[in-house]
Amino acid sequence: MTVDIVARFTIDGEPQVKSRPRFARQNGKVRTYTPASVKQAQQVIAWKFRESVSGWKVDSESSFGLVAVFFSDTQQRKDVDNMIKLICDGLNGVVWDDDVQVDEVSGKRGHDVKGNARTEILVYRMGKRRRKQKNCLRCGTKFDYYESTKNKKYCSAKCHYETVKENRTRECKYCGTSYEKQHAKQQYCSTKCKSDALTITRPCKGCGVEVRRPKSQTKNETWCSNECMRKNKTHCIHGHELTPENIYIAPGTNRKNCRICRTEASRKRRARKTISVVKP
């Protein structure tokens, strides 16, 4: 197999490993972070690569191979796979977009005299990467997908968000303004539009002042206030005229009550009590 050597460089010092992420509680929430020593080691790897290859641009179209030889001057136990993982992550965004482009890895651990610890790295290009692609449903841009992400429809989170935002946009049923709905049953852009759509303006029967009332309450007489209703009402809800002889005012209130309606209601209550007593 023909390969294209991209870079060969050496990092002095004891080989480092990619340690596990750390967890800390902050403001009542658990936060995951990478230790500062790991970040610093990854920066050193990126700097060494840029020193060895000037003018290199990140290649997202090729597949790569990596050879790493680790020389330690201590007897400290270190896993080769964790040391290789540190190198792959350190070269992310420097050599390749993501270390998923690394199709071949070779690592070897050795020992050397005190003060001569180092890591020798070889990066080579193997050719065009084999990948599955599909078109973004929004912008048409081709993007990579894998078996675990085969149902992915958009190339980025931005395209996904813009599509969801468009699907949530509708016109207000009352004023016609476009708005972003918060739930499926929302029909109006604001509470004011909803209030205006579900109410109607009618004149007060007593004084003629225009008042807004819910449509469900406009089937009967419309009054601007209880005081106006008590002052100007001439008939009860059942149509009996409120003459001085037919008006009953309960103690402690100023509300006009129809004596005929009160008498009829009392008669019905007594009839119900009689039926309940006689019933075996």
Foldseek 3Di string as FASTA:
>chain_A
DDWAWQFKFKFDDAQDFQDDWDWDADPNDIDTDGDPVLVVLLQSLLVRSCVGHPPDAADAFFAKEKEKEWEHADPDDDDFVRSVVSNQVSCCRRHYVHSVSHPYYHYYYYYDHPRGTMMIMIMITDGTDDFDWDAAPQPGDIDTDDPVCPVDRHRDPVSVVVVLQVVQWDAAPQPGDIDGDPDDPDRHRDPVSVQVVQWDWDAQPQPGDIDIDGPVPPPDHDHPDPVSCLVGPQADPVGHGQDVVQWDDDPPDSHTDGNVVVVVVVVVVVVVVVVVVPDD
